Amino acid sequence: REVEGRTLLEAASVPGERLAADALHDALGPVAAAVPDEGR
């Protein structure tokens, strides 16, 4: 419910129960990216 409609980067920061969060991060890890920013 929390990740639907969010960007991949936003979804990567959504907290959750450990097992569910691990599965989400397994899916997002290879593709989540942020626009380069020299201030970051």
PDB file of all heavy atoms in Angstrom:
ATOM      1  N   ARG A   1       0.838  -1.212   0.000  1.00  0.00           N
ATOM      2  CA  ARG A   1       0.000   0.000   0.000  1.00  0.00           C
ATOM      3  C   ARG A   1       0.868   1.256   0.000  1.00  0.00           C
ATOM      4  O   ARG A   1       0.524   2.254  -0.616  1.00  0.00           O
ATOM      5  CB  ARG A   1      -0.922   0.017   1.213  1.00  0.00           C
ATOM      6  CG  ARG A   1      -2.095  -0.922   1.106  1.00  0.00           C
ATOM      7  CD  ARG A   1      -3.106  -0.688   2.214  1.00  0.00           C
ATOM      8  NE  ARG A   1      -2.572  -0.932   3.542  1.00  0.00           N
ATOM      9  CZ  ARG A   1      -2.561  -2.111   4.154  1.00  0.00           C
ATOM     10  NH1 ARG A   1      -3.064  -3.171   3.547  1.00  0.00           N
ATOM     11  NH2 ARG A   1      -2.059  -2.240   5.367  1.00  0.00           N
ATOM     12  N   GLU A   2       1.984   1.202   0.681  1.00  0.00           N
ATOM     13  CA  GLU A   2       2.861   2.373   0.802  1.00  0.00           C
ATOM     14  C   GLU A   2       3.676   2.661  -0.460  1.00  0.00           C
ATOM     15  O   GLU A   2       3.978   3.806  -0.746  1.00  0.00           O
ATOM     16  CB  GLU A   2       3.826   2.195   1.981  1.00  0.00           C
ATOM     17  CG  GLU A   2       3.155   2.285   3.321  1.00  0.00           C
ATOM     18  CD  GLU A   2       2.558   3.655   3.579  1.00  0.00           C
ATOM     19  OE1 GLU A   2       3.197   4.670   3.262  1.00  0.00           O
ATOM     20  OE2 GLU A   2       1.435   3.705   4.104  1.00  0.00           O
ATOM     21  N   VAL A   3       4.063   1.636  -1.208  1.00  0.00           N
ATOM     22  CA  VAL A   3       4.963   1.869  -2.344  1.00  0.00           C
ATOM     23  C   VAL A   3       4.240   2.157  -3.650  1.00  0.00           C
ATOM     24  O   VAL A   3       4.804   2.811  -4.528  1.00  0.00           O
ATOM     25  CB  VAL A   3       5.965   0.706  -2.551  1.00  0.00           C
ATOM     26  CG1 VAL A   3       6.819   0.505  -1.323  1.00  0.00           C
ATOM     27  CG2 VAL A   3       5.280  -0.579  -2.957  1.00  0.00           C
ATOM     28  N   GLU A   4       3.002   1.699  -3.784  1.00  0.00           N
ATOM     29  CA  GLU A   4       2.284   1.918  -5.037  1.00  0.00           C
ATOM     30  C   GLU A   4       2.111   3.414  -5.295  1.00  0.00           C
ATOM     31  O   GLU A   4       1.697   4.162  -4.423  1.00  0.00           O
ATOM     32  CB  GLU A   4       0.931   1.212  -5.013  1.00  0.00           C
ATOM     33  CG  GLU A   4       0.394   0.940  -6.387  1.00  0.00           C
ATOM     34  CD  GLU A   4      -0.724  -0.078  -6.370  1.00  0.00           C
ATOM     35  OE1 GLU A   4      -0.423  -1.293  -6.369  1.00  0.00           O
ATOM     36  OE2 GLU A   4      -1.890   0.347  -6.349  1.00  0.00           O
ATOM     37  N   GLY A   5       2.494   3.850  -6.491  1.00  0.00           N
ATOM     38  CA  GLY A   5       2.392   5.251  -6.872  1.00  0.00           C
ATOM     39  C   GLY A   5       3.652   6.066  -6.598  1.00  0.00           C
ATOM     40  O   GLY A   5       3.791   7.176  -7.075  1.00  0.00           O
ATOM     41  N   ARG A   6       4.581   5.514  -5.843  1.00  0.00           N
ATOM     42  CA  ARG A   6       5.824   6.223  -5.531  1.00  0.00           C
ATOM     43  C   ARG A   6       6.871   5.982  -6.609  1.00  0.00           C
ATOM     44  O   ARG A   6       6.774   5.033  -7.376  1.00  0.00           O
ATOM     45  CB  ARG A   6       6.400   5.761  -4.196  1.00  0.00           C
ATOM     46  CG  ARG A   6       5.554   6.124  -3.003  1.00  0.00           C
ATOM     47  CD  ARG A   6       6.249   5.653  -1.734  1.00  0.00           C
ATOM     48  NE  ARG A   6       5.430   5.874  -0.570  1.00  0.00           N
ATOM     49  CZ  ARG A   6       5.698   6.783   0.360  1.00  0.00           C
ATOM     50  NH1 ARG A   6       6.753   7.555   0.251  1.00  0.00           N
ATOM     51  NH2 ARG A   6       4.914   6.911   1.409  1.00  0.00           N
ATOM     52  N   THR A   7       7.890   6.839  -6.626  1.00  0.00           N
ATOM     53  CA  THR A   7       9.028   6.580  -7.500  1.00  0.00           C
ATOM     54  C   THR A   7       9.850   5.452  -6.885  1.00  0.00           C
ATOM     55  O   THR A   7       9.706   5.132  -5.694  1.00  0.00           O
ATOM     56  CB  THR A   7       9.930   7.819  -7.657  1.00  0.00           C
ATOM     57  OG1 THR A   7      10.547   8.099  -6.392  1.00  0.00           O
ATOM     58  CG2 THR A   7       9.146   9.018  -8.174  1.00  0.00           C
ATOM     59  N   LEU A   8      10.731   4.868  -7.679  1.00  0.00           N
ATOM     60  CA  LEU A   8      11.580   3.793  -7.177  1.00  0.00           C
ATOM     61  C   LEU A   8      12.439   4.272  -6.012  1.00  0.00           C
ATOM     62  O   LEU A   8      12.581   3.577  -5.006  1.00  0.00           O
ATOM     63  CB  LEU A   8      12.470   3.257  -8.296  1.00  0.00           C
ATOM     64  CG  LEU A   8      11.724   2.615  -9.470  1.00  0.00           C
ATOM     65  CD1 LEU A   8      12.693   2.248 -10.579  1.00  0.00           C
ATOM     66  CD2 LEU A   8      10.925   1.410  -9.017  1.00  0.00           C
ATOM     67  N   LEU A   9      12.983   5.475  -6.128  1.00  0.00           N
ATOM     68  CA  LEU A   9      13.830   6.002  -5.067  1.00  0.00           C
ATOM     69  C   LEU A   9      13.020   6.271  -3.799  1.00  0.00           C
ATOM     70  O   LEU A   9      13.471   5.975  -2.688  1.00  0.00           O
ATOM     71  CB  LEU A   9      14.537   7.268  -5.538  1.00  0.00           C
ATOM     72  CG  LEU A   9      15.744   7.707  -4.725  1.00  0.00           C
ATOM     73  CD1 LEU A   9      16.797   6.613  -4.649  1.00  0.00           C
ATOM     74  CD2 LEU A   9      16.340   8.970  -5.324  1.00  0.00           C
ATOM     75  N   GLU A  10      11.815   6.802  -3.938  1.00  0.00           N
ATOM     76  CA  GLU A  10      10.956   7.018  -2.773  1.00  0.00           C
ATOM     77  C   GLU A  10      10.600   5.692  -2.111  1.00  0.00           C
ATOM     78  O   GLU A  10      10.616   5.575  -0.887  1.00  0.00           O
ATOM     79  CB  GLU A  10       9.665   7.737  -3.176  1.00  0.00           C
ATOM     80  CG  GLU A  10       9.833   9.170  -3.586  1.00  0.00           C
ATOM     81  CD  GLU A  10       8.597   9.748  -4.248  1.00  0.00           C
ATOM     82  OE1 GLU A  10       7.697   9.002  -4.696  1.00  0.00           O
ATOM     83  OE2 GLU A  10       8.543  10.989  -4.341  1.00  0.00           O
ATOM     84  N   ALA A  11      10.285   4.688  -2.916  1.00  0.00           N
ATOM     85  CA  ALA A  11       9.909   3.375  -2.384  1.00  0.00           C
ATOM     86  C   ALA A  11      11.056   2.737  -1.608  1.00  0.00           C
ATOM     87  O   ALA A  11      10.826   2.029  -0.627  1.00  0.00           O
ATOM     88  CB  ALA A  11       9.462   2.453  -3.518  1.00  0.00           C
ATOM     89  N   ALA A  12      12.285   3.005  -2.027  1.00  0.00           N
ATOM     90  CA  ALA A  12      13.444   2.413  -1.353  1.00  0.00           C
ATOM     91  C   ALA A  12      13.570   2.884   0.088  1.00  0.00           C
ATOM     92  O   ALA A  12      14.199   2.214   0.901  1.00  0.00           O
ATOM     93  CB  ALA A  12      14.717   2.740  -2.129  1.00  0.00           C
ATOM     94  N   SER A  13      12.945   4.012   0.431  1.00  0.00           N
ATOM     95  CA  SER A  13      13.061   4.537   1.796  1.00  0.00           C
ATOM     96  C   SER A  13      11.828   4.236   2.653  1.00  0.00           C
ATOM     97  O   SER A  13      11.765   4.660   3.806  1.00  0.00           O
ATOM     98  CB  SER A  13      13.309   6.046   1.761  1.00  0.00           C
ATOM     99  OG  SER A  13      12.180   6.717   1.255  1.00  0.00           O
ATOM    100  N   VAL A  14      10.860   3.507   2.125  1.00  0.00           N
ATOM    101  CA  VAL A  14       9.649   3.187   2.882  1.00  0.00           C
ATOM    102  C   VAL A  14       9.989   2.126   3.937  1.00  0.00           C
ATOM    103  O   VAL A  14      10.537   1.079   3.605  1.00  0.00           O
ATOM    104  CB  VAL A  14       8.538   2.667   1.938  1.00  0.00           C
ATOM    105  CG1 VAL A  14       7.376   2.093   2.722  1.00  0.00           C
ATOM    106  CG2 VAL A  14       8.068   3.786   1.027  1.00  0.00           C
ATOM    107  N   PRO A  15       9.684   2.400   5.204  1.00  0.00           N
ATOM    108  CA  PRO A  15       9.962   1.403   6.242  1.00  0.00           C
ATOM    109  C   PRO A  15       8.940   0.275   6.198  1.00  0.00           C
ATOM    110  O   PRO A  15       7.829   0.452   5.703  1.00  0.00           O
ATOM    111  CB  PRO A  15       9.832   2.201   7.541  1.00  0.00           C
ATOM    112  CG  PRO A  15       8.875   3.297   7.210  1.00  0.00           C
ATOM    113  CD  PRO A  15       9.101   3.616   5.754  1.00  0.00           C
ATOM    114  N   GLY A  16       9.338  -0.872   6.714  1.00  0.00           N
ATOM    115  CA  GLY A  16       8.426  -2.007   6.761  1.00  0.00           C
ATOM    116  C   GLY A  16       9.023  -3.124   7.592  1.00  0.00           C
ATOM    117  O   GLY A  16      10.160  -3.028   8.058  1.00  0.00           O
ATOM    118  N   GLU A  17       8.231  -4.174   7.766  1.00  0.00           N
ATOM    119  CA  GLU A  17       8.745  -5.341   8.480  1.00  0.00           C
ATOM    120  C   GLU A  17       9.946  -5.884   7.720  1.00  0.00           C
ATOM    121  O   GLU A  17       9.996  -5.821   6.490  1.00  0.00           O
ATOM    122  CB  GLU A  17       7.664  -6.405   8.608  1.00  0.00           C
ATOM    123  CG  GLU A  17       6.569  -6.008   9.585  1.00  0.00           C
ATOM    124  CD  GLU A  17       5.565  -7.126   9.815  1.00  0.00           C
ATOM    125  OE1 GLU A  17       5.961  -8.313   9.814  1.00  0.00           O
ATOM    126  OE2 GLU A  17       4.382  -6.795   9.982  1.00  0.00           O
ATOM    127  N   ARG A  18      10.889  -6.429   8.439  1.00  0.00           N
ATOM    128  CA  ARG A  18      12.183  -6.786   7.872  1.00  0.00           C
ATOM    129  C   ARG A  18      12.086  -7.671   6.629  1.00  0.00           C
ATOM    130  O   ARG A  18      12.710  -7.388   5.614  1.00  0.00           O
ATOM    131  CB  ARG A  18      13.041  -7.466   8.931  1.00  0.00           C
ATOM    132  CG  ARG A  18      14.416  -7.791   8.433  1.00  0.00           C
ATOM    133  CD  ARG A  18      15.290  -8.304   9.516  1.00  0.00           C
ATOM    134  NE  ARG A  18      16.612  -8.572   8.986  1.00  0.00           N
ATOM    135  CZ  ARG A  18      17.609  -8.958   9.715  1.00  0.00           C
ATOM    136  NH1 ARG A  18      17.459  -9.105  11.010  1.00  0.00           N
ATOM    137  NH2 ARG A  18      18.772  -9.202   9.178  1.00  0.00           N
ATOM    138  N   LEU A  19      11.335  -8.733   6.689  1.00  0.00           N
ATOM    139  CA  LEU A  19      11.275  -9.664   5.560  1.00  0.00           C
ATOM    140  C   LEU A  19      10.673  -8.997   4.327  1.00  0.00           C
ATOM    141  O   LEU A  19      11.191  -9.127   3.218  1.00  0.00           O
ATOM    142  CB  LEU A  19      10.476 -10.910   5.956  1.00  0.00           C
ATOM    143  CG  LEU A  19      10.634 -12.134   5.071  1.00  0.00           C
ATOM    144  CD1 LEU A  19      12.094 -12.584   5.012  1.00  0.00           C
ATOM    145  CD2 LEU A  19       9.772 -13.265   5.577  1.00  0.00           C
ATOM    146  N   ALA A  20       9.587  -8.244   4.526  1.00  0.00           N
ATOM    147  CA  ALA A  20       8.951  -7.544   3.409  1.00  0.00           C
ATOM    148  C   ALA A  20       9.897  -6.485   2.836  1.00  0.00           C
ATOM    149  O   ALA A  20      10.039  -6.352   1.622  1.00  0.00           O
ATOM    150  CB  ALA A  20       7.642  -6.901   3.863  1.00  0.00           C
ATOM    151  N   ALA A  21      10.549  -5.732   3.713  1.00  0.00           N
ATOM    152  CA  ALA A  21      11.485  -4.695   3.261  1.00  0.00           C
ATOM    153  C   ALA A  21      12.666  -5.311   2.512  1.00  0.00           C
ATOM    154  O   ALA A  21      13.126  -4.766   1.502  1.00  0.00           O
ATOM    155  CB  ALA A  21      11.976  -3.876   4.448  1.00  0.00           C
ATOM    156  N   ASP A  22      13.146  -6.454   2.971  1.00  0.00           N
ATOM    157  CA  ASP A  22      14.251  -7.132   2.273  1.00  0.00           C
ATOM    158  C   ASP A  22      13.833  -7.553   0.871  1.00  0.00           C
ATOM    159  O   ASP A  22      14.600  -7.422  -0.081  1.00  0.00           O
ATOM    160  CB  ASP A  22      14.737  -8.344   3.061  1.00  0.00           C
ATOM    161  CG  ASP A  22      15.604  -7.978   4.256  1.00  0.00           C
ATOM    162  OD1 ASP A  22      15.982  -6.793   4.385  1.00  0.00           O
ATOM    163  OD2 ASP A  22      15.900  -8.878   5.063  1.00  0.00           O
ATOM    164  N   ALA A  23      12.609  -8.056   0.717  1.00  0.00           N
ATOM    165  CA  ALA A  23      12.125  -8.454  -0.606  1.00  0.00           C
ATOM    166  C   ALA A  23      11.996  -7.238  -1.513  1.00  0.00           C
ATOM    167  O   ALA A  23      12.380  -7.269  -2.682  1.00  0.00           O
ATOM    168  CB  ALA A  23      10.782  -9.179  -0.487  1.00  0.00           C
ATOM    169  N   LEU A  24      11.471  -6.142  -0.964  1.00  0.00           N
ATOM    170  CA  LEU A  24      11.348  -4.903  -1.745  1.00  0.00           C
ATOM    171  C   LEU A  24      12.717  -4.414  -2.190  1.00  0.00           C
ATOM    172  O   LEU A  24      12.916  -4.076  -3.356  1.00  0.00           O
ATOM    173  CB  LEU A  24      10.649  -3.826  -0.911  1.00  0.00           C
ATOM    174  CG  LEU A  24      10.564  -2.446  -1.555  1.00  0.00           C
ATOM    175  CD1 LEU A  24       9.697  -2.486  -2.809  1.00  0.00           C
ATOM    176  CD2 LEU A  24      10.042  -1.432  -0.555  1.00  0.00           C
ATOM    177  N   HIS A  25      13.666  -4.389  -1.294  1.00  0.00           N
ATOM    178  CA  HIS A  25      15.004  -3.909  -1.635  1.00  0.00           C
ATOM    179  C   HIS A  25      15.703  -4.842  -2.617  1.00  0.00           C
ATOM    180  O   HIS A  25      16.506  -4.395  -3.436  1.00  0.00           O
ATOM    181  CB  HIS A  25      15.820  -3.684  -0.377  1.00  0.00           C
ATOM    182  CG  HIS A  25      15.276  -2.569   0.448  1.00  0.00           C
ATOM    183  ND1 HIS A  25      15.459  -2.471   1.790  1.00  0.00           N
ATOM    184  CD2 HIS A  25      14.513  -1.498   0.109  1.00  0.00           C
ATOM    185  CE1 HIS A  25      14.845  -1.391   2.246  1.00  0.00           C
ATOM    186  NE2 HIS A  25      14.263  -0.796   1.243  1.00  0.00           N
ATOM    187  N   ASP A  26      15.373  -6.123  -2.563  1.00  0.00           N
ATOM    188  CA  ASP A  26      15.922  -7.065  -3.545  1.00  0.00           C
ATOM    189  C   ASP A  26      15.438  -6.705  -4.949  1.00  0.00           C
ATOM    190  O   ASP A  26      16.187  -6.774  -5.917  1.00  0.00           O
ATOM    191  CB  ASP A  26      15.508  -8.497  -3.175  1.00  0.00           C
ATOM    192  CG  ASP A  26      16.142  -9.546  -4.063  1.00  0.00           C
ATOM    193  OD1 ASP A  26      17.370  -9.487  -4.284  1.00  0.00           O
ATOM    194  OD2 ASP A  26      15.403 -10.433  -4.536  1.00  0.00           O
ATOM    195  N   ALA A  27      14.174  -6.287  -5.051  1.00  0.00           N
ATOM    196  CA  ALA A  27      13.621  -5.886  -6.351  1.00  0.00           C
ATOM    197  C   ALA A  27      14.173  -4.544  -6.807  1.00  0.00           C
ATOM    198  O   ALA A  27      14.465  -4.344  -7.986  1.00  0.00           O
ATOM    199  CB  ALA A  27      12.090  -5.830  -6.276  1.00  0.00           C
ATOM    200  N   LEU A  28      14.320  -3.603  -5.878  1.00  0.00           N
ATOM    201  CA  LEU A  28      14.722  -2.241  -6.232  1.00  0.00           C
ATOM    202  C   LEU A  28      16.220  -2.057  -6.409  1.00  0.00           C
ATOM    203  O   LEU A  28      16.646  -1.180  -7.166  1.00  0.00           O
ATOM    204  CB  LEU A  28      14.246  -1.265  -5.150  1.00  0.00           C
ATOM    205  CG  LEU A  28      12.761  -1.101  -4.974  1.00  0.00           C
ATOM    206  CD1 LEU A  28      12.477  -0.198  -3.783  1.00  0.00           C
ATOM    207  CD2 LEU A  28      12.124  -0.564  -6.237  1.00  0.00           C
ATOM    208  N   GLY A  29      17.004  -2.832  -5.718  1.00  0.00           N
ATOM    209  CA  GLY A  29      18.452  -2.631  -5.688  1.00  0.00           C
ATOM    210  C   GLY A  29      19.111  -2.402  -7.030  1.00  0.00           C
ATOM    211  O   GLY A  29      19.855  -1.428  -7.205  1.00  0.00           O
ATOM    212  N   PRO A  30      18.852  -3.227  -8.026  1.00  0.00           N
ATOM    213  CA  PRO A  30      19.542  -3.054  -9.303  1.00  0.00           C
ATOM    214  C   PRO A  30      19.072  -1.857 -10.131  1.00  0.00           C
ATOM    215  O   PRO A  30      19.745  -1.475 -11.080  1.00  0.00           O
ATOM    216  CB  PRO A  30      19.222  -4.353 -10.056  1.00  0.00           C
ATOM    217  CG  PRO A  30      18.737  -5.315  -9.030  1.00  0.00           C
ATOM    218  CD  PRO A  30      18.122  -4.496  -7.946  1.00  0.00           C
ATOM    219  N   VAL A  31      17.936  -1.236  -9.787  1.00  0.00           N
ATOM    220  CA  VAL A  31      17.388  -0.210 -10.676  1.00  0.00           C
ATOM    221  C   VAL A  31      17.138   1.153 -10.045  1.00  0.00           C
ATOM    222  O   VAL A  31      16.941   2.124 -10.763  1.00  0.00           O
ATOM    223  CB  VAL A  31      16.065  -0.689 -11.323  1.00  0.00           C
ATOM    224  CG1 VAL A  31      16.293  -1.900 -12.198  1.00  0.00           C
ATOM    225  CG2 VAL A  31      15.008  -0.956 -10.270  1.00  0.00           C
ATOM    226  N   ALA A  32      17.104   1.233  -8.713  1.00  0.00           N
ATOM    227  CA  ALA A  32      16.816   2.527  -8.079  1.00  0.00           C
ATOM    228  C   ALA A  32      17.981   3.474  -8.324  1.00  0.00           C
ATOM    229  O   ALA A  32      19.130   3.139  -8.091  1.00  0.00           O
ATOM    230  CB  ALA A  32      16.574   2.347  -6.585  1.00  0.00           C
ATOM    231  N   ALA A  33      17.673   4.646  -8.825  1.00  0.00           N
ATOM    232  CA  ALA A  33      18.717   5.619  -9.123  1.00  0.00           C
ATOM    233  C   ALA A  33      18.181   7.023  -8.907  1.00  0.00           C
ATOM    234  O   ALA A  33      16.997   7.286  -9.043  1.00  0.00           O
ATOM    235  CB  ALA A  33      19.182   5.464 -10.574  1.00  0.00           C
ATOM    236  N   ALA A  34      19.073   7.914  -8.567  1.00  0.00           N
ATOM    237  CA  ALA A  34      18.714   9.323  -8.393  1.00  0.00           C
ATOM    238  C   ALA A  34      19.404  10.131  -9.478  1.00  0.00           C
ATOM    239  O   ALA A  34      20.463   9.756  -9.974  1.00  0.00           O
ATOM    240  CB  ALA A  34      19.154   9.808  -7.015  1.00  0.00           C
ATOM    241  N   VAL A  35      18.796  11.240  -9.848  1.00  0.00           N
ATOM    242  CA  VAL A  35      19.405  12.150 -10.802  1.00  0.00           C
ATOM    243  C   VAL A  35      20.689  12.698 -10.168  1.00  0.00           C
ATOM    244  O   VAL A  35      20.683  13.107  -9.006  1.00  0.00           O
ATOM    245  CB  VAL A  35      18.438  13.304 -11.137  1.00  0.00           C
ATOM    246  CG1 VAL A  35      19.095  14.310 -12.044  1.00  0.00           C
ATOM    247  CG2 VAL A  35      17.167  12.755 -11.752  1.00  0.00           C
ATOM    248  N   PRO A  36      21.806  12.678 -10.891  1.00  0.00           N
ATOM    249  CA  PRO A  36      23.053  13.203 -10.311  1.00  0.00           C
ATOM    250  C   PRO A  36      22.882  14.643  -9.838  1.00  0.00           C
ATOM    251  O   PRO A  36      22.216  15.449 -10.489  1.00  0.00           O
ATOM    252  CB  PRO A  36      24.040  13.127 -11.478  1.00  0.00           C
ATOM    253  CG  PRO A  36      23.492  12.063 -12.369  1.00  0.00           C
ATOM    254  CD  PRO A  36      21.996  12.168 -12.240  1.00  0.00           C
ATOM    255  N   ASP A  37      23.464  14.943  -8.695  1.00  0.00           N
ATOM    256  CA  ASP A  37      23.378  16.271  -8.102  1.00  0.00           C
ATOM    257  C   ASP A  37      24.668  16.522  -7.341  1.00  0.00           C
ATOM    258  O   ASP A  37      25.013  15.767  -6.427  1.00  0.00           O
ATOM    259  CB  ASP A  37      22.187  16.334  -7.154  1.00  0.00           C
ATOM    260  CG  ASP A  37      21.968  17.701  -6.534  1.00  0.00           C
ATOM    261  OD1 ASP A  37      22.939  18.477  -6.403  1.00  0.00           O
ATOM    262  OD2 ASP A  37      20.822  17.981  -6.165  1.00  0.00           O
ATOM    263  N   GLU A  38      25.393  17.579  -7.710  1.00  0.00           N
ATOM    264  CA  GLU A  38      26.678  17.861  -7.086  1.00  0.00           C
ATOM    265  C   GLU A  38      26.550  18.194  -5.602  1.00  0.00           C
ATOM    266  O   GLU A  38      27.514  18.082  -4.855  1.00  0.00           O
ATOM    267  CB  GLU A  38      27.398  18.985  -7.829  1.00  0.00           C
ATOM    268  CG  GLU A  38      27.885  18.541  -9.186  1.00  0.00           C
ATOM    269  CD  GLU A  38      28.793  19.558  -9.853  1.00  0.00           C
ATOM    270  OE1 GLU A  38      29.383  20.382  -9.144  1.00  0.00           O
ATOM    271  OE2 GLU A  38      28.887  19.500 -11.078  1.00  0.00           O
ATOM    272  N   GLY A  39      25.362  18.576  -5.145  1.00  0.00           N
ATOM    273  CA  GLY A  39      25.161  18.884  -3.734  1.00  0.00           C
ATOM    274  C   GLY A  39      24.874  17.663  -2.887  1.00  0.00           C
ATOM    275  O   GLY A  39      24.846  17.734  -1.661  1.00  0.00           O
ATOM    276  N   ARG A  40      24.656  16.520  -3.528  1.00  0.00           N
ATOM    277  CA  ARG A  40      24.339  15.292  -2.811  1.00  0.00           C
ATOM    278  C   ARG A  40      25.635  14.550  -2.505  1.00  0.00           C
ATOM    279  O   ARG A  40      26.485  14.388  -3.372  1.00  0.00           O
ATOM    280  CB  ARG A  40      23.412  14.425  -3.667  1.00  0.00           C
ATOM    281  CG  ARG A  40      22.838  13.244  -2.919  1.00  0.00           C
ATOM    282  CD  ARG A  40      21.864  12.431  -3.775  1.00  0.00           C
ATOM    283  NE  ARG A  40      20.737  13.253  -4.204  1.00  0.00           N
ATOM    284  CZ  ARG A  40      20.367  13.388  -5.464  1.00  0.00           C
ATOM    285  NH1 ARG A  40      21.007  12.774  -6.431  1.00  0.00           N
ATOM    286  NH2 ARG A  40      19.343  14.146  -5.786  1.00  0.00           N
TER     287      ARG A  40
END
